Amino acid sequence: MAKKADFTSEEWQLILSMPQVASLYLALASPSNPLGLAQEMIASTKGIVEALKSSSGNELIDAVAADFREKAEKRERVEPPLEPSRDPNEIKAQCLQTCRELAALLAQKAPADAEGYKRWVYQAAQNSANAAREGGFFGIGGERVSEAETAALQEIAGALGIASPSAA
């Protein structure tokens, strides 16, 4: 079972930031109104907060949760390993590439925990998709998950190398 010590600091940063990276991709796939965007980004932390409360049964998720807890106590931020860019398409491409890098890293160094961790990351993106209604007027009368978000979830699942629950 994987532990923080099994990874370099760069690899661990990649693992830590993946829920944020997947949620960022989702948010960029279907830009929402400012309130909806805030709701989507806040929702991405739901799985992390839940993992902080108790053991997940996946040692990698538990190690990430413990590190998040420590960083929160020290008021440290987790920065995604993305190059700064103002181009949303470039950021989206970086997000998907980061998902692929994570999948390869976990296959090599944490095969026993890989599937559960990748599903946990996917769930963070799904939480973002479900957080705010798209369309309508400030989310009123819109749809819970837009077609663009559904497509983005499938792209994230593909990049992570997992079957999308909606496609399964």
N, C-alpha and C. Protein backbone atom coordinates (compact mmCIF):
# COMPACT_ATOMS: atom_id res chain seq x y z
N MET A 1 0.83 -1.19 0.00
CA MET A 1 0.00 0.00 0.00
C MET A 1 0.88 1.26 0.00
N ALA A 2 0.45 2.25 -0.73
CA ALA A 2 1.25 3.45 -0.94
C ALA A 2 1.20 4.41 0.24
N LYS A 3 2.35 5.02 0.47
CA LYS A 3 2.50 6.05 1.51
C LYS A 3 3.24 7.24 0.90
N LYS A 4 3.19 8.36 1.57
CA LYS A 4 3.84 9.58 1.09
C LYS A 4 5.32 9.34 0.81
N ALA A 5 5.98 8.56 1.65
CA ALA A 5 7.41 8.32 1.52
C ALA A 5 7.76 7.55 0.23
N ASP A 6 6.79 6.94 -0.41
CA ASP A 6 7.03 6.19 -1.64
C ASP A 6 7.19 7.09 -2.86
N PHE A 7 6.95 8.39 -2.69
CA PHE A 7 6.94 9.32 -3.82
C PHE A 7 7.93 10.45 -3.60
N THR A 8 8.42 11.02 -4.72
CA THR A 8 9.24 12.23 -4.63
C THR A 8 8.32 13.39 -4.24
N SER A 9 8.90 14.51 -3.88
CA SER A 9 8.07 15.67 -3.50
C SER A 9 7.24 16.15 -4.69
N GLU A 10 7.79 16.10 -5.91
CA GLU A 10 7.04 16.51 -7.09
C GLU A 10 5.88 15.55 -7.37
N GLU A 11 6.15 14.25 -7.21
CA GLU A 11 5.10 13.27 -7.41
C GLU A 11 3.99 13.44 -6.38
N TRP A 12 4.38 13.69 -5.14
CA TRP A 12 3.38 13.86 -4.08
C TRP A 12 2.53 15.11 -4.33
N GLN A 13 3.16 16.17 -4.82
CA GLN A 13 2.43 17.39 -5.15
C GLN A 13 1.39 17.11 -6.22
N LEU A 14 1.76 16.30 -7.21
CA LEU A 14 0.84 15.90 -8.27
C LEU A 14 -0.35 15.15 -7.67
N ILE A 15 -0.07 14.20 -6.80
CA ILE A 15 -1.12 13.40 -6.16
C ILE A 15 -2.05 14.29 -5.33
N LEU A 16 -1.47 15.17 -4.54
CA LEU A 16 -2.26 16.07 -3.68
C LEU A 16 -3.18 16.98 -4.46
N SER A 17 -2.70 17.47 -5.57
CA SER A 17 -3.44 18.50 -6.30
C SER A 17 -4.48 17.95 -7.27
N MET A 18 -4.52 16.65 -7.47
CA MET A 18 -5.40 16.10 -8.49
C MET A 18 -6.89 16.40 -8.31
N PRO A 19 -7.45 16.36 -7.11
CA PRO A 19 -8.86 16.74 -7.01
C PRO A 19 -9.12 18.16 -7.53
N GLN A 20 -8.20 19.08 -7.22
CA GLN A 20 -8.33 20.46 -7.70
C GLN A 20 -8.17 20.54 -9.21
N VAL A 21 -7.21 19.79 -9.76
CA VAL A 21 -6.96 19.82 -11.20
C VAL A 21 -8.19 19.32 -11.96
N ALA A 22 -8.75 18.20 -11.51
CA ALA A 22 -9.93 17.64 -12.18
C ALA A 22 -11.12 18.61 -12.08
N SER A 23 -11.28 19.23 -10.94
CA SER A 23 -12.38 20.17 -10.75
C SER A 23 -12.18 21.44 -11.58
N LEU A 24 -10.95 21.88 -11.70
CA LEU A 24 -10.65 23.05 -12.54
C LEU A 24 -11.00 22.75 -13.99
N TYR A 25 -10.64 21.56 -14.46
CA TYR A 25 -10.98 21.18 -15.83
C TYR A 25 -12.48 21.23 -16.04
N LEU A 26 -13.19 20.69 -15.07
CA LEU A 26 -14.66 20.67 -15.15
C LEU A 26 -15.21 22.09 -15.19
N ALA A 27 -14.69 22.96 -14.34
CA ALA A 27 -15.17 24.35 -14.29
C ALA A 27 -14.90 25.08 -15.60
N LEU A 28 -13.77 24.80 -16.24
CA LEU A 28 -13.43 25.46 -17.50
C LEU A 28 -14.22 24.89 -18.68
N ALA A 29 -14.71 23.68 -18.54
CA ALA A 29 -15.45 23.04 -19.63
C ALA A 29 -16.78 23.73 -19.90
N SER A 30 -17.39 24.25 -18.86
CA SER A 30 -18.69 24.89 -18.99
C SER A 30 -18.73 26.08 -18.05
N PRO A 31 -18.13 27.20 -18.47
CA PRO A 31 -18.09 28.36 -17.57
C PRO A 31 -19.48 28.74 -17.08
N SER A 32 -19.56 28.95 -15.79
CA SER A 32 -20.82 29.23 -15.13
C SER A 32 -20.86 30.71 -14.76
N ASN A 33 -21.97 31.12 -14.19
CA ASN A 33 -22.02 32.47 -13.65
C ASN A 33 -21.10 32.50 -12.43
N PRO A 34 -20.73 33.69 -11.94
CA PRO A 34 -19.77 33.76 -10.83
C PRO A 34 -20.20 32.95 -9.58
N LEU A 35 -21.47 32.98 -9.25
CA LEU A 35 -21.95 32.21 -8.10
C LEU A 35 -21.81 30.72 -8.35
N GLY A 36 -22.18 30.28 -9.54
CA GLY A 36 -22.07 28.87 -9.89
C GLY A 36 -20.63 28.40 -9.89
N LEU A 37 -19.73 29.22 -10.42
CA LEU A 37 -18.31 28.88 -10.44
C LEU A 37 -17.78 28.72 -9.02
N ALA A 38 -18.16 29.63 -8.14
CA ALA A 38 -17.75 29.52 -6.74
C ALA A 38 -18.29 28.24 -6.11
N GLN A 39 -19.55 27.92 -6.39
CA GLN A 39 -20.14 26.70 -5.85
C GLN A 39 -19.41 25.46 -6.36
N GLU A 40 -19.03 25.47 -7.64
CA GLU A 40 -18.33 24.33 -8.22
C GLU A 40 -16.95 24.15 -7.58
N MET A 41 -16.23 25.23 -7.38
CA MET A 41 -14.89 25.10 -6.81
C MET A 41 -14.94 24.69 -5.34
N ILE A 42 -15.93 25.17 -4.61
CA ILE A 42 -16.10 24.77 -3.21
C ILE A 42 -16.47 23.30 -3.12
N ALA A 43 -17.31 22.85 -4.02
CA ALA A 43 -17.76 21.46 -4.00
C ALA A 43 -16.62 20.48 -4.24
N SER A 44 -15.58 20.93 -4.93
CA SER A 44 -14.47 20.03 -5.22
C SER A 44 -13.74 19.60 -3.94
N THR A 45 -13.90 20.37 -2.90
CA THR A 45 -13.24 20.02 -1.64
C THR A 45 -14.07 19.05 -0.80
N LYS A 46 -15.29 18.78 -1.22
CA LYS A 46 -16.18 17.92 -0.45
C LYS A 46 -15.54 16.55 -0.14
N GLY A 47 -14.99 15.91 -1.16
CA GLY A 47 -14.38 14.60 -0.95
C GLY A 47 -13.17 14.66 -0.05
N ILE A 48 -12.42 15.75 -0.13
CA ILE A 48 -11.25 15.91 0.73
C ILE A 48 -11.71 16.06 2.18
N VAL A 49 -12.71 16.88 2.40
CA VAL A 49 -13.23 17.09 3.75
C VAL A 49 -13.77 15.78 4.31
N GLU A 50 -14.50 15.03 3.49
CA GLU A 50 -15.03 13.74 3.95
C GLU A 50 -13.90 12.78 4.30
N ALA A 51 -12.83 12.78 3.49
CA ALA A 51 -11.69 11.90 3.76
C ALA A 51 -10.97 12.30 5.05
N LEU A 52 -11.02 13.58 5.40
CA LEU A 52 -10.39 14.03 6.64
C LEU A 52 -11.10 13.49 7.87
N LYS A 53 -12.39 13.20 7.73
CA LYS A 53 -13.20 12.79 8.87
C LYS A 53 -12.94 11.36 9.32
N SER A 54 -12.66 10.47 8.38
CA SER A 54 -12.47 9.07 8.75
C SER A 54 -11.64 8.35 7.70
N SER A 55 -11.29 7.14 7.99
CA SER A 55 -10.52 6.33 7.06
C SER A 55 -11.37 5.96 5.85
N SER A 56 -10.77 6.04 4.68
CA SER A 56 -11.48 5.72 3.45
C SER A 56 -11.35 4.25 3.08
N GLY A 57 -10.38 3.57 3.69
CA GLY A 57 -10.09 2.20 3.30
C GLY A 57 -9.04 2.13 2.21
N ASN A 58 -8.64 3.28 1.66
CA ASN A 58 -7.60 3.37 0.65
C ASN A 58 -6.44 4.11 1.29
N GLU A 59 -5.30 3.43 1.43
CA GLU A 59 -4.19 4.05 2.15
C GLU A 59 -3.68 5.33 1.49
N LEU A 60 -3.72 5.39 0.17
CA LEU A 60 -3.26 6.60 -0.51
C LEU A 60 -4.19 7.77 -0.22
N ILE A 61 -5.50 7.55 -0.29
CA ILE A 61 -6.45 8.62 0.04
C ILE A 61 -6.27 9.05 1.49
N ASP A 62 -6.08 8.09 2.38
CA ASP A 62 -5.88 8.43 3.79
C ASP A 62 -4.60 9.23 4.00
N ALA A 63 -3.53 8.88 3.26
CA ALA A 63 -2.28 9.63 3.37
C ALA A 63 -2.44 11.05 2.85
N VAL A 64 -3.19 11.20 1.76
CA VAL A 64 -3.46 12.53 1.20
C VAL A 64 -4.29 13.34 2.19
N ALA A 65 -5.31 12.71 2.78
CA ALA A 65 -6.15 13.39 3.76
C ALA A 65 -5.32 13.85 4.96
N ALA A 66 -4.41 13.01 5.43
CA ALA A 66 -3.56 13.38 6.56
C ALA A 66 -2.67 14.57 6.18
N ASP A 67 -2.16 14.57 4.95
CA ASP A 67 -1.32 15.69 4.52
C ASP A 67 -2.14 16.97 4.38
N PHE A 68 -3.36 16.85 3.86
CA PHE A 68 -4.24 18.02 3.79
C PHE A 68 -4.53 18.56 5.19
N ARG A 69 -4.77 17.67 6.13
CA ARG A 69 -5.03 18.09 7.51
C ARG A 69 -3.83 18.88 8.06
N GLU A 70 -2.63 18.35 7.83
CA GLU A 70 -1.42 19.01 8.29
C GLU A 70 -1.24 20.37 7.62
N LYS A 71 -1.48 20.42 6.32
CA LYS A 71 -1.35 21.69 5.60
C LYS A 71 -2.39 22.71 6.08
N ALA A 72 -3.60 22.25 6.36
CA ALA A 72 -4.64 23.15 6.86
C ALA A 72 -4.25 23.73 8.21
N GLU A 73 -3.68 22.90 9.08
CA GLU A 73 -3.25 23.39 10.39
C GLU A 73 -2.16 24.44 10.26
N LYS A 74 -1.29 24.29 9.25
CA LYS A 74 -0.20 25.24 9.02
C LYS A 74 -0.62 26.38 8.08
N ARG A 75 -1.87 26.31 7.62
CA ARG A 75 -2.42 27.29 6.67
C ARG A 75 -1.60 27.36 5.38
N GLU A 76 -1.18 26.19 4.90
CA GLU A 76 -0.45 26.09 3.64
C GLU A 76 -1.44 25.72 2.53
N ARG A 77 -1.15 26.18 1.33
CA ARG A 77 -2.00 25.89 0.18
C ARG A 77 -1.39 24.76 -0.65
N VAL A 78 -2.25 24.06 -1.34
CA VAL A 78 -1.80 23.05 -2.31
C VAL A 78 -1.95 23.68 -3.68
N GLU A 79 -0.85 23.84 -4.36
CA GLU A 79 -0.87 24.46 -5.69
C GLU A 79 -0.79 23.39 -6.76
N PRO A 80 -1.72 23.40 -7.69
CA PRO A 80 -1.66 22.43 -8.80
C PRO A 80 -0.39 22.65 -9.63
N PRO A 81 0.19 21.57 -10.15
CA PRO A 81 1.43 21.69 -10.94
C PRO A 81 1.14 22.08 -12.39
N LEU A 82 0.52 23.23 -12.57
CA LEU A 82 0.17 23.71 -13.91
C LEU A 82 0.97 24.96 -14.22
N GLU A 83 1.33 25.11 -15.49
CA GLU A 83 2.02 26.30 -15.93
C GLU A 83 1.02 27.46 -16.00
N PRO A 84 1.39 28.65 -15.55
CA PRO A 84 0.47 29.78 -15.64
C PRO A 84 0.08 30.07 -17.09
N SER A 85 -1.18 30.32 -17.30
CA SER A 85 -1.67 30.64 -18.63
C SER A 85 -3.00 31.37 -18.50
N ARG A 86 -3.27 32.24 -19.44
CA ARG A 86 -4.56 32.93 -19.48
C ARG A 86 -5.50 32.26 -20.47
N ASP A 87 -4.98 31.31 -21.23
CA ASP A 87 -5.76 30.62 -22.25
C ASP A 87 -6.47 29.41 -21.63
N PRO A 88 -7.80 29.45 -21.52
CA PRO A 88 -8.52 28.33 -20.91
C PRO A 88 -8.27 26.99 -21.61
N ASN A 89 -8.12 27.00 -22.93
CA ASN A 89 -7.87 25.75 -23.65
C ASN A 89 -6.51 25.16 -23.30
N GLU A 90 -5.53 26.02 -23.09
CA GLU A 90 -4.21 25.55 -22.69
C GLU A 90 -4.26 24.97 -21.27
N ILE A 91 -4.98 25.62 -20.38
CA ILE A 91 -5.13 25.12 -19.01
C ILE A 91 -5.84 23.77 -19.03
N LYS A 92 -6.90 23.66 -19.84
CA LYS A 92 -7.63 22.39 -19.94
C LYS A 92 -6.71 21.27 -20.44
N ALA A 93 -5.89 21.57 -21.44
CA ALA A 93 -4.95 20.57 -21.97
C ALA A 93 -3.96 20.14 -20.88
N GLN A 94 -3.49 21.11 -20.10
CA GLN A 94 -2.58 20.79 -19.00
C GLN A 94 -3.27 19.90 -17.95
N CYS A 95 -4.53 20.19 -17.67
CA CYS A 95 -5.28 19.40 -16.69
C CYS A 95 -5.38 17.94 -17.14
N LEU A 96 -5.75 17.72 -18.40
CA LEU A 96 -5.86 16.35 -18.89
C LEU A 96 -4.51 15.66 -18.92
N GLN A 97 -3.46 16.39 -19.29
CA GLN A 97 -2.12 15.79 -19.29
C GLN A 97 -1.72 15.41 -17.86
N THR A 98 -2.07 16.24 -16.89
CA THR A 98 -1.76 15.95 -15.50
C THR A 98 -2.52 14.71 -15.03
N CYS A 99 -3.76 14.54 -15.48
CA CYS A 99 -4.52 13.32 -15.16
C CYS A 99 -3.82 12.09 -15.71
N ARG A 100 -3.33 12.19 -16.95
CA ARG A 100 -2.62 11.06 -17.56
C ARG A 100 -1.33 10.75 -16.81
N GLU A 101 -0.61 11.80 -16.40
CA GLU A 101 0.62 11.61 -15.63
C GLU A 101 0.34 10.93 -14.30
N LEU A 102 -0.75 11.32 -13.65
CA LEU A 102 -1.13 10.69 -12.39
C LEU A 102 -1.42 9.21 -12.61
N ALA A 103 -2.19 8.90 -13.64
CA ALA A 103 -2.53 7.51 -13.92
C ALA A 103 -1.28 6.67 -14.13
N ALA A 104 -0.32 7.19 -14.88
CA ALA A 104 0.93 6.46 -15.13
C ALA A 104 1.74 6.30 -13.85
N LEU A 105 1.81 7.36 -13.06
CA LEU A 105 2.55 7.31 -11.80
C LEU A 105 1.96 6.27 -10.85
N LEU A 106 0.65 6.28 -10.70
CA LEU A 106 0.01 5.34 -9.78
C LEU A 106 0.13 3.90 -10.28
N ALA A 107 0.06 3.70 -11.58
CA ALA A 107 0.22 2.35 -12.13
C ALA A 107 1.60 1.79 -11.79
N GLN A 108 2.58 2.67 -11.77
CA GLN A 108 3.96 2.26 -11.49
C GLN A 108 4.23 2.12 -10.00
N LYS A 109 3.80 3.09 -9.19
CA LYS A 109 4.21 3.13 -7.79
C LYS A 109 3.14 2.74 -6.78
N ALA A 110 1.89 2.71 -7.19
CA ALA A 110 0.82 2.42 -6.23
C ALA A 110 -0.32 1.65 -6.89
N PRO A 111 -0.01 0.54 -7.54
CA PRO A 111 -1.07 -0.16 -8.28
C PRO A 111 -2.23 -0.63 -7.41
N ALA A 112 -1.98 -0.97 -6.17
CA ALA A 112 -3.06 -1.45 -5.29
C ALA A 112 -4.04 -0.34 -4.92
N ASP A 113 -3.56 0.89 -4.87
CA ASP A 113 -4.41 2.02 -4.47
C ASP A 113 -4.87 2.86 -5.65
N ALA A 114 -4.33 2.58 -6.84
CA ALA A 114 -4.55 3.45 -8.00
C ALA A 114 -6.02 3.61 -8.37
N GLU A 115 -6.74 2.52 -8.53
CA GLU A 115 -8.13 2.59 -8.98
C GLU A 115 -8.99 3.40 -8.02
N GLY A 116 -8.86 3.13 -6.73
CA GLY A 116 -9.65 3.86 -5.74
C GLY A 116 -9.31 5.34 -5.71
N TYR A 117 -8.02 5.66 -5.84
CA TYR A 117 -7.62 7.07 -5.82
C TYR A 117 -8.13 7.80 -7.05
N LYS A 118 -8.00 7.17 -8.21
CA LYS A 118 -8.47 7.81 -9.44
C LYS A 118 -9.98 8.02 -9.39
N ARG A 119 -10.70 7.08 -8.83
CA ARG A 119 -12.17 7.24 -8.69
C ARG A 119 -12.48 8.38 -7.72
N TRP A 120 -11.67 8.54 -6.69
CA TRP A 120 -11.84 9.62 -5.72
C TRP A 120 -11.64 10.97 -6.40
N VAL A 121 -10.61 11.06 -7.25
CA VAL A 121 -10.36 12.29 -8.02
C VAL A 121 -11.54 12.57 -8.95
N TYR A 122 -12.01 11.55 -9.63
CA TYR A 122 -13.16 11.69 -10.52
C TYR A 122 -14.38 12.19 -9.73
N GLN A 123 -14.57 11.67 -8.52
CA GLN A 123 -15.69 12.09 -7.68
C GLN A 123 -15.60 13.58 -7.34
N ALA A 124 -14.38 14.09 -7.15
CA ALA A 124 -14.21 15.53 -6.89
C ALA A 124 -14.73 16.34 -8.07
N ALA A 125 -14.41 15.89 -9.29
CA ALA A 125 -14.91 16.59 -10.48
C ALA A 125 -16.42 16.45 -10.59
N GLN A 126 -16.93 15.28 -10.28
CA GLN A 126 -18.38 15.07 -10.33
C GLN A 126 -19.10 15.94 -9.29
N ASN A 127 -18.50 16.09 -8.12
CA ASN A 127 -19.07 16.99 -7.11
C ASN A 127 -19.16 18.41 -7.65
N SER A 128 -18.13 18.83 -8.38
CA SER A 128 -18.15 20.17 -8.98
C SER A 128 -19.27 20.29 -10.01
N ALA A 129 -19.43 19.25 -10.82
CA ALA A 129 -20.46 19.28 -11.86
C ALA A 129 -21.86 19.38 -11.26
N ASN A 130 -22.07 18.74 -10.14
CA ASN A 130 -23.38 18.72 -9.50
C ASN A 130 -23.65 19.93 -8.60
N ALA A 131 -22.65 20.79 -8.41
CA ALA A 131 -22.77 21.86 -7.43
C ALA A 131 -23.67 23.01 -7.86
N ALA A 132 -23.69 23.30 -9.13
CA ALA A 132 -24.45 24.47 -9.59
C ALA A 132 -25.20 24.14 -10.86
N ARG A 133 -26.35 24.75 -11.00
CA ARG A 133 -27.13 24.57 -12.23
C ARG A 133 -26.50 25.41 -13.34
N GLU A 134 -26.50 24.86 -14.53
CA GLU A 134 -25.96 25.56 -15.69
C GLU A 134 -27.11 26.10 -16.53
N GLY A 135 -26.92 27.28 -17.09
CA GLY A 135 -27.96 27.88 -17.93
C GLY A 135 -28.98 28.60 -17.07
N GLY A 136 -30.04 29.01 -17.67
CA GLY A 136 -31.06 29.76 -16.93
C GLY A 136 -30.53 31.12 -16.54
N PHE A 137 -31.12 31.69 -15.54
CA PHE A 137 -30.72 32.99 -15.03
C PHE A 137 -30.09 32.80 -13.66
N PHE A 138 -28.78 32.99 -13.57
CA PHE A 138 -28.02 32.72 -12.35
C PHE A 138 -28.32 31.34 -11.80
N GLY A 139 -28.43 30.37 -12.71
CA GLY A 139 -28.64 28.99 -12.31
C GLY A 139 -30.09 28.60 -12.10
N ILE A 140 -30.99 29.57 -12.10
CA ILE A 140 -32.40 29.26 -11.89
C ILE A 140 -32.97 28.76 -13.21
N GLY A 141 -33.58 27.59 -13.16
CA GLY A 141 -34.17 27.01 -14.35
C GLY A 141 -33.18 26.30 -15.25
N GLY A 142 -31.94 26.23 -14.86
CA GLY A 142 -30.94 25.55 -15.68
C GLY A 142 -30.91 24.06 -15.40
N GLU A 143 -29.93 23.40 -15.98
CA GLU A 143 -29.77 21.97 -15.77
C GLU A 143 -28.66 21.71 -14.77
N ARG A 144 -28.77 20.59 -14.03
CA ARG A 144 -27.80 20.26 -12.99
C ARG A 144 -26.41 20.02 -13.60
N VAL A 145 -26.33 19.19 -14.61
CA VAL A 145 -25.06 18.90 -15.27
C VAL A 145 -25.25 19.13 -16.77
N SER A 146 -24.50 20.07 -17.31
CA SER A 146 -24.65 20.40 -18.73
C SER A 146 -24.01 19.33 -19.61
N GLU A 147 -24.32 19.40 -20.89
CA GLU A 147 -23.70 18.47 -21.85
C GLU A 147 -22.19 18.65 -21.86
N ALA A 148 -21.73 19.89 -21.77
CA ALA A 148 -20.28 20.15 -21.75
C ALA A 148 -19.64 19.53 -20.51
N GLU A 149 -20.33 19.61 -19.38
CA GLU A 149 -19.78 19.01 -18.16
C GLU A 149 -19.78 17.49 -18.25
N THR A 150 -20.82 16.91 -18.84
CA THR A 150 -20.87 15.46 -19.03
C THR A 150 -19.70 15.01 -19.91
N ALA A 151 -19.45 15.76 -20.97
CA ALA A 151 -18.32 15.44 -21.86
C ALA A 151 -17.00 15.60 -21.11
N ALA A 152 -16.89 16.64 -20.30
CA ALA A 152 -15.66 16.87 -19.53
C ALA A 152 -15.42 15.73 -18.54
N LEU A 153 -16.48 15.26 -17.89
CA LEU A 153 -16.34 14.13 -16.96
C LEU A 153 -15.84 12.89 -17.70
N GLN A 154 -16.35 12.66 -18.89
CA GLN A 154 -15.89 11.52 -19.68
C GLN A 154 -14.42 11.68 -20.09
N GLU A 155 -14.03 12.90 -20.42
CA GLU A 155 -12.63 13.16 -20.77
C GLU A 155 -11.71 12.95 -19.58
N ILE A 156 -12.14 13.39 -18.40
CA ILE A 156 -11.35 13.18 -17.18
C ILE A 156 -11.21 11.69 -16.90
N ALA A 157 -12.33 10.96 -16.99
CA ALA A 157 -12.29 9.51 -16.76
C ALA A 157 -11.33 8.85 -17.74
N GLY A 158 -11.40 9.25 -19.00
CA GLY A 158 -10.50 8.68 -20.01
C GLY A 158 -9.04 8.97 -19.71
N ALA A 159 -8.74 10.20 -19.32
CA ALA A 159 -7.36 10.57 -19.00
C ALA A 159 -6.85 9.84 -17.76
N LEU A 160 -7.75 9.58 -16.81
CA LEU A 160 -7.36 8.83 -15.61
C LEU A 160 -7.29 7.33 -15.87
N GLY A 161 -7.89 6.89 -16.97
CA GLY A 161 -7.89 5.47 -17.28
C GLY A 161 -8.93 4.68 -16.49
N ILE A 162 -10.06 5.32 -16.22
CA ILE A 162 -11.15 4.62 -15.54
C ILE A 162 -12.42 4.71 -16.39
N ALA A 163 -13.33 3.81 -16.15
CA ALA A 163 -14.62 3.88 -16.84
C ALA A 163 -15.47 4.94 -16.16
N SER A 164 -16.03 5.83 -16.96
CA SER A 164 -16.92 6.86 -16.43
C SER A 164 -18.20 6.19 -15.95
N PRO A 165 -18.62 6.46 -14.70
CA PRO A 165 -19.86 5.86 -14.23
C PRO A 165 -21.05 6.13 -15.14
N SER A 166 -21.10 7.28 -15.77
CA SER A 166 -22.21 7.59 -16.66
C SER A 166 -22.12 6.80 -17.96
N ALA A 167 -20.89 6.36 -18.30
CA ALA A 167 -20.71 5.60 -19.54
C ALA A 167 -20.77 4.10 -19.27
N ALA A 168 -20.70 3.71 -18.00
CA ALA A 168 -20.66 2.28 -17.67
C ALA A 168 -22.03 1.66 -17.68
